[in-house]
Amino acid sequence: MTLLDFISYFVLPGLSISILLIFIRFLKGPKMVDRVIALDLIVTTGIGFISAYSILYNQPALLDVALILALIAFLGTVAFTYYIQQRNKP
């Protein structure tokens, strides 16, 4: 089994199932914190999709897109954390 077969048969279906489960958590999340974490996980899984697609179809430029998306997701998570922290202050 080659790396491309492994990505096609295991990685992409695994990421698809995880996106579905994370999206359910995003919809049902009882608190805002749960939804923020679910949204961060959706972006992280999307980065995994972009990376797997990049390897599968030999498109190294897409790795730059994944890197930028990871940076934006990190900044978004930090911003939400700061917002939640400021909201809970008396």
N, C-alpha and C. Protein backbone atom coordinates (compact mmCIF):
# COMPACT_ATOMS: atom_id res chain seq x y z
N MET A 1 0.84 -1.18 0.00
CA MET A 1 0.00 0.00 0.00
C MET A 1 0.89 1.24 0.00
N THR A 2 0.62 2.13 -0.91
CA THR A 2 1.41 3.35 -1.02
C THR A 2 0.80 4.46 -0.15
N LEU A 3 1.52 5.55 -0.06
CA LEU A 3 1.03 6.69 0.71
C LEU A 3 -0.25 7.25 0.10
N LEU A 4 -0.30 7.27 -1.22
CA LEU A 4 -1.49 7.81 -1.89
C LEU A 4 -2.71 6.94 -1.64
N ASP A 5 -2.52 5.62 -1.63
CA ASP A 5 -3.63 4.72 -1.30
C ASP A 5 -4.08 4.92 0.14
N PHE A 6 -3.11 5.08 1.05
CA PHE A 6 -3.45 5.29 2.45
C PHE A 6 -4.26 6.57 2.64
N ILE A 7 -3.85 7.63 1.93
CA ILE A 7 -4.61 8.89 2.02
C ILE A 7 -6.00 8.71 1.46
N SER A 8 -6.10 8.02 0.33
CA SER A 8 -7.41 7.87 -0.32
C SER A 8 -8.36 7.00 0.48
N TYR A 9 -7.85 5.92 1.06
CA TYR A 9 -8.74 4.94 1.70
C TYR A 9 -8.94 5.15 3.19
N PHE A 10 -8.00 5.83 3.87
CA PHE A 10 -8.12 5.96 5.32
C PHE A 10 -8.19 7.41 5.80
N VAL A 11 -7.34 8.26 5.27
CA VAL A 11 -7.25 9.62 5.81
C VAL A 11 -8.47 10.44 5.42
N LEU A 12 -8.79 10.48 4.15
CA LEU A 12 -9.92 11.30 3.72
C LEU A 12 -11.27 10.83 4.28
N PRO A 13 -11.57 9.51 4.28
CA PRO A 13 -12.81 9.10 4.96
C PRO A 13 -12.82 9.39 6.46
N GLY A 14 -11.67 9.24 7.11
CA GLY A 14 -11.59 9.56 8.54
C GLY A 14 -11.85 11.03 8.80
N LEU A 15 -11.28 11.88 7.96
CA LEU A 15 -11.52 13.31 8.12
C LEU A 15 -12.98 13.66 7.84
N SER A 16 -13.58 12.97 6.88
CA SER A 16 -14.99 13.23 6.57
C SER A 16 -15.89 12.87 7.75
N ILE A 17 -15.64 11.73 8.35
CA ILE A 17 -16.45 11.31 9.51
C ILE A 17 -16.23 12.28 10.67
N SER A 18 -15.00 12.70 10.87
CA SER A 18 -14.74 13.62 11.98
C SER A 18 -15.40 14.97 11.75
N ILE A 19 -15.45 15.44 10.51
CA ILE A 19 -16.14 16.71 10.23
C ILE A 19 -17.62 16.58 10.57
N LEU A 20 -18.20 15.45 10.23
CA LEU A 20 -19.62 15.24 10.52
C LEU A 20 -19.87 15.25 12.03
N LEU A 21 -19.04 14.54 12.78
CA LEU A 21 -19.21 14.49 14.24
C LEU A 21 -18.96 15.85 14.88
N ILE A 22 -17.96 16.57 14.38
CA ILE A 22 -17.67 17.90 14.93
C ILE A 22 -18.80 18.86 14.62
N PHE A 23 -19.38 18.74 13.43
CA PHE A 23 -20.48 19.63 13.07
C PHE A 23 -21.70 19.37 13.96
N ILE A 24 -21.93 18.11 14.32
CA ILE A 24 -23.02 17.81 15.25
C ILE A 24 -22.76 18.47 16.60
N ARG A 25 -21.50 18.40 17.05
CA ARG A 25 -21.15 19.05 18.32
C ARG A 25 -21.31 20.56 18.21
N PHE A 26 -20.99 21.10 17.04
CA PHE A 26 -21.14 22.54 16.83
C PHE A 26 -22.61 22.94 16.94
N LEU A 27 -23.50 22.12 16.40
CA LEU A 27 -24.93 22.45 16.45
C LEU A 27 -25.53 22.24 17.83
N LYS A 28 -25.09 21.18 18.52
CA LYS A 28 -25.69 20.83 19.81
C LYS A 28 -24.96 21.41 21.01
N GLY A 29 -23.80 22.05 20.77
CA GLY A 29 -22.97 22.51 21.89
C GLY A 29 -23.79 23.30 22.89
N PRO A 30 -23.80 22.86 24.13
CA PRO A 30 -24.66 23.55 25.09
C PRO A 30 -24.14 24.94 25.44
N LYS A 31 -22.84 25.13 25.36
CA LYS A 31 -22.26 26.43 25.72
C LYS A 31 -21.52 27.01 24.53
N MET A 32 -21.26 28.30 24.63
CA MET A 32 -20.54 28.97 23.56
C MET A 32 -19.11 28.45 23.43
N VAL A 33 -18.52 28.07 24.54
CA VAL A 33 -17.16 27.55 24.52
C VAL A 33 -17.09 26.27 23.69
N ASP A 34 -18.10 25.40 23.85
CA ASP A 34 -18.12 24.16 23.07
C ASP A 34 -18.20 24.46 21.58
N ARG A 35 -18.98 25.46 21.23
CA ARG A 35 -19.10 25.81 19.82
C ARG A 35 -17.82 26.41 19.27
N VAL A 36 -17.13 27.20 20.07
CA VAL A 36 -15.86 27.77 19.62
C VAL A 36 -14.83 26.67 19.40
N ILE A 37 -14.79 25.72 20.30
CA ILE A 37 -13.85 24.61 20.14
C ILE A 37 -14.21 23.77 18.92
N ALA A 38 -15.51 23.55 18.70
CA ALA A 38 -15.95 22.79 17.53
C ALA A 38 -15.59 23.53 16.24
N LEU A 39 -15.75 24.83 16.24
CA LEU A 39 -15.40 25.61 15.06
C LEU A 39 -13.90 25.55 14.80
N ASP A 40 -13.10 25.60 15.85
CA ASP A 40 -11.66 25.48 15.71
C ASP A 40 -11.29 24.10 15.17
N LEU A 41 -11.98 23.07 15.63
CA LEU A 41 -11.71 21.72 15.12
C LEU A 41 -12.12 21.57 13.67
N ILE A 42 -13.20 22.23 13.26
CA ILE A 42 -13.62 22.17 11.86
C ILE A 42 -12.54 22.79 10.98
N VAL A 43 -12.01 23.91 11.41
CA VAL A 43 -10.94 24.55 10.63
C VAL A 43 -9.69 23.66 10.60
N THR A 44 -9.37 23.07 11.73
CA THR A 44 -8.20 22.18 11.79
C THR A 44 -8.39 20.97 10.88
N THR A 45 -9.58 20.42 10.86
CA THR A 45 -9.85 19.29 9.98
C THR A 45 -9.81 19.73 8.52
N GLY A 46 -10.26 20.94 8.25
CA GLY A 46 -10.16 21.47 6.89
C GLY A 46 -8.71 21.62 6.45
N ILE A 47 -7.85 21.99 7.39
CA ILE A 47 -6.42 22.05 7.09
C ILE A 47 -5.90 20.65 6.75
N GLY A 48 -6.39 19.66 7.46
CA GLY A 48 -6.02 18.28 7.14
C GLY A 48 -6.47 17.88 5.75
N PHE A 49 -7.69 18.28 5.38
CA PHE A 49 -8.20 18.01 4.03
C PHE A 49 -7.31 18.66 2.98
N ILE A 50 -6.98 19.92 3.20
CA ILE A 50 -6.15 20.64 2.22
C ILE A 50 -4.78 19.98 2.11
N SER A 51 -4.21 19.58 3.22
CA SER A 51 -2.91 18.92 3.20
C SER A 51 -2.97 17.58 2.48
N ALA A 52 -3.99 16.79 2.77
CA ALA A 52 -4.13 15.49 2.10
C ALA A 52 -4.35 15.67 0.61
N TYR A 53 -5.16 16.64 0.24
CA TYR A 53 -5.40 16.92 -1.19
C TYR A 53 -4.11 17.36 -1.86
N SER A 54 -3.34 18.17 -1.16
CA SER A 54 -2.07 18.65 -1.71
C SER A 54 -1.10 17.50 -1.97
N ILE A 55 -1.05 16.56 -1.06
CA ILE A 55 -0.16 15.41 -1.23
C ILE A 55 -0.70 14.49 -2.31
N LEU A 56 -2.01 14.28 -2.31
CA LEU A 56 -2.63 13.35 -3.25
C LEU A 56 -2.48 13.81 -4.70
N TYR A 57 -2.64 15.10 -4.94
CA TYR A 57 -2.59 15.61 -6.31
C TYR A 57 -1.33 16.41 -6.61
N ASN A 58 -0.33 16.31 -5.74
CA ASN A 58 0.98 16.93 -5.95
C ASN A 58 0.86 18.43 -6.24
N GLN A 59 0.20 19.13 -5.33
CA GLN A 59 0.02 20.57 -5.43
C GLN A 59 0.64 21.23 -4.20
N PRO A 60 1.95 21.47 -4.20
CA PRO A 60 2.58 22.01 -2.99
C PRO A 60 2.15 23.43 -2.64
N ALA A 61 1.59 24.16 -3.57
CA ALA A 61 1.15 25.53 -3.27
C ALA A 61 -0.01 25.53 -2.28
N LEU A 62 -0.76 24.45 -2.23
CA LEU A 62 -1.90 24.39 -1.30
C LEU A 62 -1.43 24.30 0.16
N LEU A 63 -0.21 23.86 0.38
CA LEU A 63 0.31 23.81 1.75
C LEU A 63 0.46 25.22 2.32
N ASP A 64 0.77 26.18 1.46
CA ASP A 64 0.81 27.57 1.91
C ASP A 64 -0.57 28.04 2.35
N VAL A 65 -1.59 27.64 1.62
CA VAL A 65 -2.96 27.98 1.98
C VAL A 65 -3.31 27.37 3.34
N ALA A 66 -2.90 26.12 3.53
CA ALA A 66 -3.17 25.46 4.81
C ALA A 66 -2.46 26.17 5.95
N LEU A 67 -1.24 26.63 5.71
CA LEU A 67 -0.49 27.34 6.74
C LEU A 67 -1.16 28.66 7.10
N ILE A 68 -1.60 29.39 6.11
CA ILE A 68 -2.28 30.67 6.37
C ILE A 68 -3.60 30.43 7.10
N LEU A 69 -4.33 29.41 6.69
CA LEU A 69 -5.58 29.08 7.37
C LEU A 69 -5.34 28.70 8.83
N ALA A 70 -4.25 27.99 9.10
CA ALA A 70 -3.91 27.63 10.48
C ALA A 70 -3.61 28.87 11.30
N LEU A 71 -2.90 29.82 10.72
CA LEU A 71 -2.61 31.05 11.45
C LEU A 71 -3.87 31.85 11.74
N ILE A 72 -4.76 31.93 10.77
CA ILE A 72 -6.01 32.66 10.97
C ILE A 72 -6.87 31.96 12.03
N ALA A 73 -6.90 30.64 12.00
CA ALA A 73 -7.68 29.90 12.99
C ALA A 73 -7.11 30.11 14.39
N PHE A 74 -5.78 30.15 14.49
CA PHE A 74 -5.16 30.38 15.80
C PHE A 74 -5.52 31.76 16.33
N LEU A 75 -5.44 32.76 15.46
CA LEU A 75 -5.79 34.11 15.90
C LEU A 75 -7.26 34.21 16.27
N GLY A 76 -8.11 33.52 15.54
CA GLY A 76 -9.54 33.51 15.88
C GLY A 76 -9.80 32.87 17.22
N THR A 77 -9.11 31.79 17.49
CA THR A 77 -9.28 31.13 18.78
C THR A 77 -8.79 32.01 19.92
N VAL A 78 -7.68 32.67 19.73
CA VAL A 78 -7.18 33.59 20.75
C VAL A 78 -8.16 34.73 20.97
N ALA A 79 -8.73 35.26 19.90
CA ALA A 79 -9.69 36.35 20.02
C ALA A 79 -10.95 35.90 20.77
N PHE A 80 -11.46 34.71 20.45
CA PHE A 80 -12.64 34.20 21.16
C PHE A 80 -12.32 33.97 22.63
N THR A 81 -11.15 33.45 22.91
CA THR A 81 -10.76 33.22 24.30
C THR A 81 -10.69 34.53 25.07
N TYR A 82 -10.11 35.53 24.45
CA TYR A 82 -10.03 36.85 25.09
C TYR A 82 -11.43 37.42 25.32
N TYR A 83 -12.30 37.26 24.33
CA TYR A 83 -13.68 37.75 24.46
C TYR A 83 -14.40 37.06 25.61
N ILE A 84 -14.27 35.75 25.68
CA ILE A 84 -14.95 35.00 26.75
C ILE A 84 -14.37 35.38 28.11
N GLN A 85 -13.07 35.57 28.17
CA GLN A 85 -12.44 35.95 29.42
C GLN A 85 -12.89 37.34 29.86
N GLN A 86 -13.00 38.26 28.95
CA GLN A 86 -13.44 39.62 29.28
C GLN A 86 -14.92 39.66 29.65
N ARG A 87 -15.70 38.79 29.02
CA ARG A 87 -17.14 38.75 29.31
C ARG A 87 -17.43 38.26 30.71
N ASN A 88 -16.59 37.36 31.20
CA ASN A 88 -16.82 36.77 32.53
C ASN A 88 -16.26 37.60 33.66
N LYS A 89 -15.56 38.70 33.35
CA LYS A 89 -15.05 39.56 34.42
C LYS A 89 -16.19 40.38 35.02
N PRO A 90 -16.12 40.61 36.32
CA PRO A 90 -17.20 41.40 36.93
C PRO A 90 -17.10 42.88 36.60
